[in-house]
Amino acid sequence: MLYVARHGETEWNRKGIISGRSDIALSRIGYEQAGLLSKEVAELDKSPITKIISSPLERARETARVVAEDNELPISVDNRLIELDYGEYDGTSDEQEGYLKIRTQFAVRYPKGESLMDVYARIVPLLEELEQDEEHTYLLVCHNSVIRAIKNYFEPLENEQVFDYRTPNAKLIAFKWNQVAATIKSA
């Protein structure tokens, strides 16, 4: 089993500002959400989490720290979990026509940034490493675009489904490792 969670809310999330690689802090609500996520983690019975890996960005690190401290879990940072680089759109409104057009294209890079395909390419090796570790159950604390790529790894989606998928802040999502093998065999 693999668990993932998006970081808690930031002020930029609330205002509709693209936060990509900008290192934005959690809001008060974001810290409350991290506390609720911590309780969700504590209530896992069948596959309890044994390790947390976080994106290097503060909003994810702080969410992970709250969960780790409350549940006495080890935490590490992996740069492959960093949010998609939105390039020139980072720090701007998420309602811009150019941004919205690129957002629906898996392989198109944002100007001076990267594409969702680039995120997928850096996430897959991490997922393959974690799948080989049968000793631990991981929680990855990361970002919406990264979780889109992870979801597509476990459950291949049509293009529109990938881009319509939105991950709520600080919500625990579970994936089963054997689901990947079953999906590959049925293709």
Foldseek 3Di string as FASTA:
>chain_A
DAKEAEFFAFVCVVVQAAAAQPQTAHDPRRVVLLLVLLVVLVPDDPAHFAEEEEAPRRRQVSSVVSNCVSVVHYYYYDNLQGGWFLAPRHGHHCPDPVNVVLLLDQADAHVRTGGLVVSLVSVVVVVVVVVVPPPGHYYYYHHFSNVLSVCCQLPPDDSVVSSVDGGHHNDMDDGDPVSNVVVVVVD
